Amino acid sequence: MRTTKRYAVIAMGILGISLMAVSCKKGKGDLAKMESQSDTLSVTILQTADIHGQLDAHPELFWEDSTIVFKERGGLAHIKTIFDRERKNNPGQTIVVDGGDLIQGSGYAALSEGKVMTDIIRAMNYDVIIPGNWEVVYGKENMLEIMRGYDTEVIAQNMYHEQNEEPLFPPYWIKEIQGIKIGFVGLNDPAVPIRQNPIFSKGIAFSGMNEKFKETLDELKKTKGVDVLFLVTHIGVFKQLALGNDPMAESVDYILGNDTHERVREPLDGKYAKVTEPGAFGSFVGKLTLKFKDGKLVGDHYELIEVDPEIYPADAEIQALVDKAKAPYKEDLETVIGYTNTPLFRYLTVENPMDNMITDAARWKTGVDISISNGFRFGNPIVPQNGEPAPITRANLWNLLPVNEKLKTGKASGQQIKDWLEQEMHNAFAQDASDRFGGWLVRFSGMKVKFNSQNPKGERIQEILVGGEPIQDDKYYSISACVRPGDPIDNLCRMPNVKDVEVKDYTIHDVVEEYLKENSPVSPVLEGRAYCEYLGTYSFSTVPGTEYVFQ
């Protein structure tokens, strides 16, 4: 039986607008030409990113020929096979990097507080790892314990003990191969205390891309004699590309980017550094081949390897560790809690069936006018096959909602909602990368919005309907959202000064399980809850100034 599944499923009920395929610019490196050169040294850099606790192969979404299709991809045991093959092909000259967000995102990761990853990652034999924005989710000490357990280099230039400002990790790592010095500097997102629930990063201080950061980069290149300098960042493709164009990075050759789950198949050319980002959930491995002649970098070649279980069979040792790690939690997490007739996914910039189901469940339970949730590209798709509803398990629920918080309700005026939504749109669609905050619009039920993403800040909304009626500035509407521990009590999903706030005694997982029990099989589809003509229905990414297309 084939282990690789290709689902050619067009999401039911979705009326699409074709996205014109845009070819990416070719990189400067031509591998065939480089191979013809004599006396060259080849160095291979492999990169994973944003694995998010995903241990096994799973359905992955692709955009092909203006159609959504699903294929089986990923799995740590399959990734290890890629690592081993590449190391065998280029022994002693292969470096394996991970860009963070390893320990959060699945039920197995959540119930073990990330500890299922320790033995597995140690056996994967990474050379260097940086922490991502979600590494803080189980607290500072837990993060440090897990990352020390990897028994590999962990670097981050901008993370400190809050009480004494001592670094949490070394800022960089240098590897010398046949006289060539290759340096790696780690940078986590300085906005972690804002992006994540503030309580998660308690005791950790973050610095930004300041003068000390630039001094570190320049020191490696100009004083320590690093021949090729990699900046491994977890700040998202928008800010990574902006950094590649900033004199701050004049000493940097490559930015190995992470965080926004983009699938960069050809490096994005910045003025100073080339930028890559290799997808998420263990579905891809980035491979950068560097060619040196007489000690000088003369070319490169980049490809994004899809982790196809049929092409890369599971490594037996890693699979055994995965099975062992899952065992204490498997019975509970593989319990079926509902069914869906339509594919559930969360990859689009504006609206997704997965979020429609979640916000519908919250509004069904609370009875509010509007239920809102964060927008992000997260959670493996759940795909019906052979005309039968697809089961939804608790493991799936954790993939959809990796943090299980209580619901909170309150009331806000129409004007408050407009002001908040304008800011959320700016967070997602600002042309200035420094203003970007994620890259995906907030999601909701009970409200419909028409907007223009290209308009200036504060002028994007064209129409808001609540309950089918135009929103009224001075009318108060009831709202629900999830608690963010550490936020002010009157704050709902970054909306300040909400009135009559009440924290419920049930969590979002409780709500979704109850909703599925009562309403399965569900059939969520795209409904135009938020719509922008410029973006169309199937907007996967918005990276200004590039020809990049998510595929």
Protein backbone atom coordinates (compact mmCIF):
# COMPACT_ATOMS: atom_id res chain seq x y z
CA MET A 1 0.00 0.00 0.00
CA ARG A 2 1.42 3.41 -0.90
CA THR A 3 2.44 5.46 2.11
CA THR A 4 2.13 8.70 0.17
CA LYS A 5 -1.40 9.95 -0.27
CA ARG A 6 -2.31 12.64 -2.78
CA TYR A 7 -5.67 14.14 -2.10
CA ALA A 8 -7.00 16.12 -5.05
CA VAL A 9 -9.73 17.67 -2.98
CA ILE A 10 -11.32 20.94 -3.96
CA ALA A 11 -12.80 22.45 -0.80
CA MET A 12 -16.57 22.00 -1.08
CA GLY A 13 -18.65 25.11 -1.40
CA ILE A 14 -15.66 27.33 -2.07
CA LEU A 15 -16.01 29.59 -5.06
CA GLY A 16 -12.46 30.55 -6.02
CA ILE A 17 -10.79 33.28 -7.89
CA SER A 18 -7.74 32.00 -9.76
CA LEU A 19 -4.39 33.20 -8.54
CA MET A 20 -2.10 33.95 -11.44
CA ALA A 21 1.01 31.83 -11.21
CA VAL A 22 4.10 33.96 -10.98
CA SER A 23 7.46 32.44 -11.62
CA CYS A 24 10.12 33.09 -8.97
CA LYS A 25 13.40 34.69 -9.93
CA LYS A 26 16.21 32.21 -10.39
CA GLY A 27 19.04 32.30 -7.86
CA LYS A 28 22.51 33.36 -8.89
CA GLY A 29 23.91 29.89 -8.43
CA ASP A 30 23.88 27.39 -11.27
CA LEU A 31 24.66 23.98 -9.78
CA ALA A 32 25.63 22.31 -13.09
CA LYS A 33 28.07 25.07 -13.92
CA MET A 34 29.55 24.95 -10.42
CA GLU A 35 30.07 21.20 -10.61
CA SER A 36 32.18 21.65 -13.73
CA GLN A 37 34.67 23.80 -11.84
CA SER A 38 37.75 22.05 -10.57
CA ASP A 39 39.10 22.09 -7.00
CA THR A 40 35.85 23.22 -5.48
CA LEU A 41 34.59 22.58 -1.97
CA SER A 42 30.88 21.84 -1.51
CA VAL A 43 29.10 22.59 1.77
CA THR A 44 25.48 21.57 2.38
CA ILE A 45 23.21 23.52 4.75
CA LEU A 46 19.93 21.78 5.69
CA GLN A 47 17.19 23.72 7.48
CA THR A 48 13.94 22.81 9.19
CA ALA A 49 11.57 25.40 10.63
CA ASP A 50 8.42 25.65 12.72
CA ILE A 51 7.95 21.92 13.24
CA HIS A 52 5.48 22.75 16.04
CA GLY A 53 5.53 19.41 17.81
CA GLN A 54 4.40 17.47 14.72
CA LEU A 55 5.83 13.99 15.12
CA ASP A 56 4.23 12.09 12.24
CA ALA A 57 3.42 12.38 8.55
CA HIS A 58 0.13 14.21 7.96
CA PRO A 59 -2.01 15.78 5.22
CA GLU A 60 -0.37 18.95 3.91
CA LEU A 61 -2.02 21.65 1.78
CA PHE A 62 -0.61 22.73 -1.59
CA TRP A 63 -1.80 25.28 -4.16
CA GLU A 64 -1.41 23.75 -7.63
CA ASP A 65 -2.97 24.90 -10.90
CA SER A 66 -5.30 27.26 -9.03
CA THR A 67 -6.60 24.38 -6.92
CA ILE A 68 -6.18 23.33 -3.31
CA VAL A 69 -4.81 19.78 -3.07
CA PHE A 70 -3.62 17.71 -0.13
CA LYS A 71 -0.67 15.31 0.05
CA GLU A 72 0.84 13.23 2.83
CA ARG A 73 4.05 14.90 4.05
CA GLY A 74 6.28 15.27 7.10
CA GLY A 75 7.25 13.10 10.06
CA LEU A 76 10.45 13.37 12.10
CA ALA A 77 11.53 9.81 11.25
CA HIS A 78 11.30 10.68 7.54
CA ILE A 79 13.22 13.93 8.05
CA LYS A 80 16.02 11.96 9.73
CA THR A 81 16.32 9.82 6.59
CA ILE A 82 16.87 13.01 4.56
CA PHE A 83 19.53 14.18 7.02
CA ASP A 84 21.34 10.85 6.85
CA ARG A 85 21.26 10.69 3.04
CA GLU A 86 22.57 14.22 2.70
CA ARG A 87 25.32 13.62 5.25
CA LYS A 88 26.33 10.47 3.39
CA ASN A 89 26.39 12.37 0.09
CA ASN A 90 28.61 15.12 1.58
CA PRO A 91 30.35 13.64 4.63
CA GLY A 92 31.83 16.10 7.11
CA GLN A 93 30.58 19.01 5.05
CA THR A 94 26.87 19.04 5.92
CA ILE A 95 25.41 21.34 8.59
CA VAL A 96 21.86 20.83 9.89
CA VAL A 97 19.96 23.82 11.34
CA ASP A 98 16.56 24.28 12.99
CA GLY A 99 14.96 27.71 13.20
CA GLY A 100 12.73 27.29 16.26
CA ASP A 101 9.17 26.52 17.34
CA LEU A 102 9.96 22.86 17.88
CA ILE A 103 8.21 22.18 21.18
CA GLN A 104 4.69 23.60 20.78
CA GLY A 105 1.76 23.00 18.47
CA SER A 106 0.57 19.42 18.93
CA GLY A 107 -1.38 17.65 21.66
CA TYR A 108 1.63 15.45 22.38
CA ALA A 109 3.80 18.53 22.86
CA ALA A 110 1.20 20.32 24.99
CA LEU A 111 0.38 17.46 27.36
CA SER A 112 4.09 16.77 27.96
CA GLU A 113 4.97 20.50 28.09
CA GLY A 114 7.37 19.98 25.22
CA LYS A 115 9.28 17.11 26.76
CA VAL A 116 8.29 14.59 24.06
CA MET A 117 10.71 16.41 21.79
CA THR A 118 13.92 16.13 23.86
CA ASP A 119 15.10 12.58 23.12
CA ILE A 120 13.89 12.72 19.52
CA ILE A 121 15.64 15.98 18.66
CA ARG A 122 18.84 14.81 20.36
CA ALA A 123 18.81 11.69 18.14
CA MET A 124 18.15 13.77 15.01
CA ASN A 125 21.73 15.13 15.33
CA TYR A 126 21.13 18.78 14.55
CA ASP A 127 24.25 20.94 14.53
CA VAL A 128 22.68 24.22 15.63
CA ILE A 129 19.22 25.30 16.81
CA ILE A 130 17.64 28.63 17.74
CA PRO A 131 14.57 29.16 19.97
CA GLY A 132 11.42 30.48 18.29
CA ASN A 133 8.62 32.65 19.62
CA TRP A 134 6.70 29.59 20.91
CA GLU A 135 9.63 28.02 22.77
CA VAL A 136 8.60 30.13 25.81
CA VAL A 137 5.09 28.62 26.00
CA TYR A 138 5.78 26.34 29.01
CA GLY A 139 7.92 28.87 30.89
CA LYS A 140 11.55 29.89 30.99
CA GLU A 141 12.96 27.03 33.08
CA ASN A 142 11.12 24.39 31.07
CA MET A 143 12.45 25.88 27.85
CA LEU A 144 16.02 25.86 29.16
CA GLU A 145 15.75 22.28 30.41
CA ILE A 146 14.40 21.01 27.09
CA MET A 147 16.91 22.88 24.94
CA ARG A 148 19.86 21.76 27.07
CA GLY A 149 18.59 18.21 26.62
CA TYR A 150 19.10 18.45 22.85
CA ASP A 151 22.85 18.18 23.49
CA THR A 152 23.60 20.46 20.56
CA GLU A 153 24.46 24.10 19.96
CA VAL A 154 21.59 26.47 20.84
CA ILE A 155 22.18 30.13 19.97
CA ALA A 156 20.26 33.40 20.39
CA GLN A 157 21.90 36.82 20.37
CA ASN A 158 18.96 38.69 21.88
CA MET A 159 17.54 36.64 24.82
CA TYR A 160 18.56 37.42 28.42
CA HIS A 161 17.79 36.57 32.03
CA GLU A 162 15.57 39.48 33.01
CA GLN A 163 16.99 39.81 36.54
CA ASN A 164 20.67 40.16 35.64
CA GLU A 165 20.73 40.68 31.85
CA GLU A 166 23.01 37.67 31.38
CA PRO A 167 22.56 35.91 28.01
CA LEU A 168 20.33 32.83 27.98
CA PHE A 169 22.33 31.32 25.13
CA PRO A 170 25.58 31.99 23.24
CA PRO A 171 24.97 34.53 20.46
CA TYR A 172 26.70 32.58 17.70
CA TRP A 173 28.40 29.36 16.59
CA ILE A 174 31.26 28.92 14.14
CA LYS A 175 31.99 25.76 12.17
CA GLU A 176 35.26 25.38 10.22
CA ILE A 177 35.31 23.05 7.20
CA GLN A 178 38.60 22.61 5.33
CA GLY A 179 39.74 26.06 6.35
CA ILE A 180 36.41 27.74 5.53
CA LYS A 181 34.80 29.41 8.55
CA ILE A 182 31.00 29.36 8.51
CA GLY A 183 29.24 31.41 11.19
CA PHE A 184 25.68 31.33 12.51
CA VAL A 185 24.03 34.05 14.61
CA GLY A 186 20.63 33.39 16.22
CA LEU A 187 17.88 36.02 16.51
CA ASN A 188 14.48 35.41 18.10
CA ASP A 189 11.54 37.78 17.70
CA PRO A 190 11.91 40.75 20.09
CA ALA A 191 8.09 41.00 20.15
CA VAL A 192 7.61 37.58 21.84
CA PRO A 193 6.11 39.12 25.04
CA ILE A 194 3.47 40.84 22.85
CA ARG A 195 2.82 38.09 20.32
CA GLN A 196 2.48 35.34 22.93
CA ASN A 197 0.52 35.44 26.16
CA PRO A 198 2.74 37.76 28.23
CA ILE A 199 2.98 35.30 31.10
CA PHE A 200 4.76 32.73 28.92
CA SER A 201 8.01 34.72 28.68
CA LYS A 202 8.14 35.86 32.31
CA GLY A 203 11.76 36.21 33.42
CA ILE A 204 13.10 36.62 29.87
CA ALA A 205 14.24 39.93 28.35
CA PHE A 206 14.57 40.46 24.61
CA SER A 207 16.59 43.01 22.66
CA GLY A 208 15.99 44.11 19.11
CA MET A 209 18.16 44.72 16.08
CA ASN A 210 20.24 47.35 17.86
CA GLU A 211 23.86 48.46 17.69
CA LYS A 212 25.02 45.50 19.78
CA PHE A 213 23.36 43.17 17.29
CA LYS A 214 25.20 44.81 14.41
CA GLU A 215 28.47 44.71 16.34
CA THR A 216 28.06 40.94 16.73
CA LEU A 217 27.56 40.49 12.98
CA ASP A 218 30.47 42.74 12.05
CA GLU A 219 32.77 41.13 14.63
CA LEU A 220 32.25 37.67 13.15
CA LYS A 221 32.95 38.80 9.59
CA LYS A 222 35.69 41.37 10.19
CA THR A 223 37.46 40.19 13.36
CA LYS A 224 36.88 36.45 13.65
CA GLY A 225 37.41 35.85 9.95
CA VAL A 226 34.10 34.16 9.15
CA ASP A 227 33.96 33.51 5.41
CA VAL A 228 30.19 33.01 5.13
CA LEU A 229 27.82 34.44 7.74
CA PHE A 230 24.34 33.04 8.31
CA LEU A 231 21.73 34.87 10.34
CA VAL A 232 19.15 32.38 11.64
CA THR A 233 16.08 34.46 12.44
CA HIS A 234 12.59 33.85 13.79
CA ILE A 235 10.95 37.15 12.87
CA GLY A 236 8.85 36.31 9.79
CA VAL A 237 9.42 36.67 6.08
CA PHE A 238 8.46 40.37 5.92
CA LYS A 239 10.99 41.50 8.50
CA GLN A 240 13.58 38.99 7.31
CA LEU A 241 13.44 40.42 3.80
CA ALA A 242 13.56 43.98 5.17
CA LEU A 243 16.63 43.02 7.19
CA GLY A 244 18.26 41.56 4.08
CA ASN A 245 17.93 45.03 2.52
CA ASP A 246 19.14 46.93 5.62
CA PRO A 247 22.75 48.10 6.13
CA MET A 248 22.40 46.45 9.55
CA ALA A 249 23.00 43.17 7.69
CA GLU A 250 25.88 44.31 5.48
CA SER A 251 28.10 41.57 6.97
CA VAL A 252 25.47 38.83 6.44
CA ASP A 253 25.44 36.53 3.41
CA TYR A 254 22.28 34.48 4.06
CA ILE A 255 19.26 34.85 6.31
CA LEU A 256 17.80 31.44 7.20
CA GLY A 257 14.31 32.69 8.04
CA ASN A 258 11.53 31.13 10.08
CA ASP A 259 8.19 31.94 11.74
CA THR A 260 5.66 32.74 8.98
CA HIS A 261 5.61 29.18 7.55
CA GLU A 262 6.33 30.43 4.02
CA ARG A 263 7.68 28.02 1.41
CA VAL A 264 10.45 29.95 -0.30
CA ARG A 265 11.53 27.76 -3.20
CA GLU A 266 14.03 30.27 -4.61
CA PRO A 267 15.93 32.58 -2.22
CA LEU A 268 14.60 36.12 -2.04
CA ASP A 269 17.40 38.50 -3.00
CA GLY A 270 18.02 41.29 -0.52
CA LYS A 271 20.58 44.01 -1.11
CA TYR A 272 22.92 42.45 1.43
CA ALA A 273 21.64 38.93 2.10
CA LYS A 274 19.58 36.22 0.46
CA VAL A 275 16.51 35.11 2.43
CA THR A 276 14.95 31.65 2.69
CA GLU A 277 12.11 30.10 4.72
CA PRO A 278 11.36 26.35 4.47
CA GLY A 279 7.67 25.91 5.28
CA ALA A 280 6.45 24.32 8.51
CA PHE A 281 5.23 21.24 10.41
CA GLY A 282 8.15 19.10 9.24
CA SER A 283 6.72 18.97 5.72
CA PHE A 284 9.85 20.45 4.11
CA VAL A 285 13.62 20.63 4.47
CA GLY A 286 15.50 23.52 2.92
CA LYS A 287 18.78 22.58 1.22
CA LEU A 288 21.39 25.22 0.38
CA THR A 289 24.53 24.07 -1.44
CA LEU A 290 27.53 26.40 -1.25
CA LYS A 291 30.47 26.09 -3.61
CA PHE A 292 33.93 27.41 -2.73
CA LYS A 293 37.00 27.75 -4.96
CA ASP A 294 40.37 28.74 -3.52
CA GLY A 295 38.65 29.59 -0.23
CA LYS A 296 36.10 31.92 -1.82
CA LEU A 297 32.34 31.45 -2.20
CA VAL A 298 31.74 31.22 -5.95
CA GLY A 299 28.13 30.06 -6.15
CA ASP A 300 25.10 28.54 -4.49
CA HIS A 301 22.05 26.45 -5.24
CA TYR A 302 18.85 26.19 -3.21
CA GLU A 303 15.97 23.72 -3.22
CA LEU A 304 13.02 22.96 -0.96
CA ILE A 305 12.79 19.21 -0.32
CA GLU A 306 9.29 17.89 0.30
CA VAL A 307 9.31 15.27 3.06
CA ASP A 308 7.49 12.57 1.10
CA PRO A 309 7.22 9.38 3.21
CA GLU A 310 7.35 7.23 0.08
CA ILE A 311 10.64 8.70 -1.08
CA TYR A 312 12.14 8.94 2.42
CA PRO A 313 11.12 5.88 4.51
CA ALA A 314 11.04 6.28 8.28
CA ASP A 315 14.30 5.96 10.19
CA ALA A 316 13.74 3.04 12.59
CA GLU A 317 15.47 4.63 15.60
CA ILE A 318 13.57 7.90 15.37
CA GLN A 319 10.25 6.14 14.75
CA ALA A 320 10.79 4.04 17.88
CA LEU A 321 11.47 7.20 19.90
CA VAL A 322 8.35 8.85 18.45
CA ASP A 323 6.18 5.84 19.32
CA LYS A 324 7.62 5.75 22.85
CA ALA A 325 7.05 9.49 23.38
CA LYS A 326 3.44 9.28 22.19
CA ALA A 327 2.45 6.20 24.22
CA PRO A 328 1.36 7.89 27.51
CA TYR A 329 -0.97 10.29 25.67
CA LYS A 330 -2.09 8.35 22.61
CA GLU A 331 -5.37 6.85 23.86
CA ASP A 332 -6.71 10.23 24.96
CA LEU A 333 -5.47 12.18 21.95
CA GLU A 334 -6.65 9.72 19.31
CA THR A 335 -10.21 9.80 20.68
CA VAL A 336 -12.65 10.88 17.96
CA ILE A 337 -14.69 13.93 19.02
CA GLY A 338 -16.55 14.71 15.78
CA TYR A 339 -16.61 14.59 11.99
CA THR A 340 -16.40 17.00 9.06
CA ASN A 341 -17.86 16.70 5.55
CA THR A 342 -15.56 19.39 4.14
CA PRO A 343 -11.80 19.90 4.39
CA LEU A 344 -10.69 21.87 7.43
CA PHE A 345 -7.61 24.02 6.87
CA ARG A 346 -6.07 27.31 7.96
CA TYR A 347 -3.62 28.51 5.30
CA LEU A 348 -5.33 31.54 3.75
CA THR A 349 -4.60 35.15 4.65
CA VAL A 350 -8.18 36.24 5.32
CA GLU A 351 -10.75 33.47 5.92
CA ASN A 352 -10.49 29.71 6.50
CA PRO A 353 -13.01 26.89 7.08
CA MET A 354 -11.15 25.82 10.23
CA ASP A 355 -11.56 29.23 11.87
CA ASN A 356 -15.18 29.49 10.75
CA MET A 357 -15.93 26.31 12.67
CA ILE A 358 -14.06 27.46 15.79
CA THR A 359 -15.64 30.91 15.94
CA ASP A 360 -19.08 29.48 15.13
CA ALA A 361 -18.67 27.11 18.08
CA ALA A 362 -17.72 29.98 20.40
CA ARG A 363 -20.70 32.11 19.31
CA TRP A 364 -23.01 29.06 19.61
CA LYS A 365 -21.88 28.50 23.18
CA THR A 366 -21.72 32.09 24.45
CA GLY A 367 -24.66 33.60 22.54
CA VAL A 368 -22.67 36.77 21.73
CA ASP A 369 -23.05 38.93 18.64
CA ILE A 370 -19.45 38.41 17.48
CA SER A 371 -16.87 35.74 18.31
CA ILE A 372 -13.26 36.43 17.36
CA SER A 373 -10.03 34.47 17.27
CA ASN A 374 -6.45 35.06 16.18
CA GLY A 375 -5.57 34.49 12.55
CA PHE A 376 -2.51 32.40 11.77
CA ARG A 377 -1.34 29.64 9.42
CA PHE A 378 -1.48 26.74 11.83
CA GLY A 379 -2.84 23.22 12.14
CA ASN A 380 -2.64 20.25 9.79
CA PRO A 381 -5.59 19.92 7.42
CA ILE A 382 -8.37 17.42 8.16
CA VAL A 383 -9.48 15.91 4.85
CA PRO A 384 -12.49 13.68 4.05
CA GLN A 385 -11.73 10.78 1.74
CA ASN A 386 -13.80 8.59 -0.57
CA GLY A 387 -16.95 10.65 0.07
CA GLU A 388 -16.93 9.83 3.79
CA PRO A 389 -16.79 12.39 6.64
CA ALA A 390 -13.32 12.77 8.17
CA PRO A 391 -12.96 12.02 11.89
CA ILE A 392 -11.75 14.86 14.13
CA THR A 393 -9.66 13.69 17.09
CA ARG A 394 -8.45 15.47 20.21
CA ALA A 395 -5.01 15.42 18.61
CA ASN A 396 -6.51 17.38 15.70
CA LEU A 397 -8.12 19.78 18.15
CA TRP A 398 -4.73 20.53 19.75
CA ASN A 399 -3.29 21.10 16.26
CA LEU A 400 -6.06 23.63 15.57
CA LEU A 401 -5.91 25.25 19.02
CA PRO A 402 -2.46 24.66 20.52
CA VAL A 403 -3.19 26.78 23.60
CA ASN A 404 -6.35 25.88 25.52
CA GLU A 405 -7.61 28.96 27.37
CA LYS A 406 -10.94 29.94 28.89
CA LEU A 407 -13.37 32.08 26.94
CA LYS A 408 -13.93 35.71 27.87
CA THR A 409 -16.92 37.86 26.91
CA GLY A 410 -17.53 41.59 26.99
CA LYS A 411 -19.13 44.52 25.15
CA ALA A 412 -17.64 47.05 22.76
CA SER A 413 -19.09 49.88 20.72
CA GLY A 414 -19.26 49.83 16.96
CA GLN A 415 -16.59 52.53 16.87
CA GLN A 416 -14.30 50.48 19.11
CA ILE A 417 -14.73 47.49 16.83
CA LYS A 418 -13.93 49.59 13.75
CA ASP A 419 -10.80 51.06 15.33
CA TRP A 420 -9.62 47.64 16.51
CA LEU A 421 -10.27 46.01 13.13
CA GLU A 422 -8.43 48.79 11.28
CA GLN A 423 -5.40 48.14 13.48
CA GLU A 424 -5.66 44.39 12.91
CA MET A 425 -5.72 45.01 9.15
CA HIS A 426 -2.64 47.18 9.44
CA ASN A 427 -0.90 44.44 11.41
CA ALA A 428 -1.59 42.03 8.54
CA PHE A 429 -1.21 44.20 5.43
CA ALA A 430 1.14 47.12 6.21
CA GLN A 431 3.52 47.85 3.35
CA ASP A 432 6.22 48.69 5.90
CA ALA A 433 7.54 45.37 7.20
CA SER A 434 8.27 46.85 10.64
CA ASP A 435 4.51 47.33 11.13
CA ARG A 436 3.63 43.73 10.24
CA PHE A 437 2.37 41.53 13.05
CA GLY A 438 1.95 37.98 11.77
CA GLY A 439 0.55 38.51 8.27
CA TRP A 440 -2.95 37.05 8.68
CA LEU A 441 -6.21 38.80 9.44
CA VAL A 442 -8.11 38.09 12.66
CA ARG A 443 -11.05 35.66 12.24
CA PHE A 444 -14.67 36.02 13.36
CA SER A 445 -18.25 34.76 13.38
CA GLY A 446 -21.36 36.98 13.38
CA MET A 447 -19.72 39.77 11.39
CA LYS A 448 -19.03 40.37 7.69
CA VAL A 449 -16.40 42.82 6.49
CA LYS A 450 -15.45 44.22 3.09
CA PHE A 451 -12.07 45.97 2.94
CA ASN A 452 -9.21 47.04 0.70
CA SER A 453 -5.83 45.82 1.93
CA GLN A 454 -4.01 48.39 -0.26
CA ASN A 455 -5.54 51.47 1.35
CA PRO A 456 -3.60 53.52 3.93
CA LYS A 457 -3.73 52.77 7.63
CA GLY A 458 -7.13 53.55 9.12
CA GLU A 459 -8.87 53.63 5.71
CA ARG A 460 -9.13 49.95 4.78
CA ILE A 461 -12.65 49.07 5.97
CA GLN A 462 -15.39 49.59 3.40
CA GLU A 463 -18.33 47.90 5.13
CA ILE A 464 -19.10 46.02 8.35
CA LEU A 465 -22.29 44.05 8.93
CA VAL A 466 -23.20 42.56 12.33
CA GLY A 467 -26.13 40.16 12.29
CA GLY A 468 -26.79 41.26 8.71
CA GLU A 469 -27.16 44.96 9.65
CA PRO A 470 -24.66 47.82 9.17
CA ILE A 471 -22.60 48.36 12.30
CA GLN A 472 -23.58 51.41 14.38
CA ASP A 473 -20.82 53.46 15.97
CA ASP A 474 -22.63 54.15 19.24
CA LYS A 475 -24.25 50.73 19.68
CA TYR A 476 -22.66 48.14 21.97
CA TYR A 477 -22.12 44.59 20.73
CA SER A 478 -21.34 41.51 22.77
CA ILE A 479 -18.07 39.78 21.90
CA SER A 480 -16.20 36.62 22.88
CA ALA A 481 -12.51 35.74 22.61
CA CYS A 482 -10.02 33.54 24.44
CA VAL A 483 -8.24 34.72 27.56
CA ARG A 484 -4.60 35.73 27.08
CA PRO A 485 -2.98 35.35 30.51
CA GLY A 486 -1.07 38.51 31.36
CA ASP A 487 -3.38 40.81 29.37
CA PRO A 488 -5.49 43.44 31.15
CA ILE A 489 -8.91 42.07 32.10
CA ASP A 490 -10.68 44.56 29.80
CA ASN A 491 -8.69 43.45 26.72
CA LEU A 492 -10.24 41.00 24.22
CA CYS A 493 -7.91 39.79 21.43
CA ARG A 494 -5.95 43.07 21.59
CA MET A 495 -9.16 45.15 21.73
CA PRO A 496 -8.79 47.48 24.77
CA ASN A 497 -11.37 49.01 27.15
CA VAL A 498 -14.07 46.38 26.69
CA LYS A 499 -17.03 46.70 29.10
CA ASP A 500 -18.80 44.08 31.27
CA VAL A 501 -16.03 41.52 30.93
CA GLU A 502 -16.71 37.99 32.17
CA VAL A 503 -14.33 35.03 32.15
CA LYS A 504 -16.25 31.81 31.56
CA ASP A 505 -15.63 28.56 33.45
CA TYR A 506 -15.07 26.59 30.22
CA THR A 507 -12.19 26.50 27.74
CA ILE A 508 -12.18 26.77 23.97
CA HIS A 509 -11.48 23.02 23.74
CA ASP A 510 -14.54 22.33 25.90
CA VAL A 511 -16.60 24.48 23.57
CA VAL A 512 -15.42 22.89 20.32
CA GLU A 513 -15.87 19.35 21.67
CA GLU A 514 -19.42 20.18 22.81
CA TYR A 515 -20.20 21.86 19.48
CA LEU A 516 -18.94 18.86 17.49
CA LYS A 517 -20.90 16.45 19.68
CA GLU A 518 -24.10 18.35 18.95
CA ASN A 519 -23.50 19.27 15.29
CA SER A 520 -21.34 16.58 13.63
CA PRO A 521 -20.73 16.13 10.85
CA VAL A 522 -19.96 19.81 10.34
CA SER A 523 -19.50 21.33 6.88
CA PRO A 524 -17.63 24.64 7.20
CA VAL A 525 -16.75 26.47 3.96
CA LEU A 526 -15.57 29.92 2.89
CA GLU A 527 -18.45 32.41 3.13
CA GLY A 528 -16.87 35.80 2.50
CA ARG A 529 -16.92 36.76 6.18
CA ALA A 530 -14.01 39.01 5.32
CA TYR A 531 -13.37 39.83 1.67
CA CYS A 532 -10.96 42.02 -0.24
CA GLU A 533 -11.29 42.19 -4.02
CA TYR A 534 -7.57 42.88 -4.45
CA LEU A 535 -6.64 39.68 -2.55
CA GLY A 536 -9.43 37.47 -3.87
CA THR A 537 -10.68 34.34 -2.16
CA TYR A 538 -7.44 32.37 -2.24
CA SER A 539 -4.80 34.72 -0.86
CA PHE A 540 -2.08 32.62 0.78
CA SER A 541 0.61 35.26 1.30
CA THR A 542 1.26 38.96 0.86
CA VAL A 543 4.98 39.75 0.62
CA PRO A 544 5.33 43.25 -0.87
CA GLY A 545 8.08 43.89 -3.40
CA THR A 546 8.61 40.25 -4.37
CA GLU A 547 7.33 37.71 -6.89
CA TYR A 548 6.97 35.11 -4.14
CA VAL A 549 3.96 32.79 -4.40
CA PHE A 550 2.97 30.23 -1.75
CA GLN A 551 2.76 26.76 -3.33
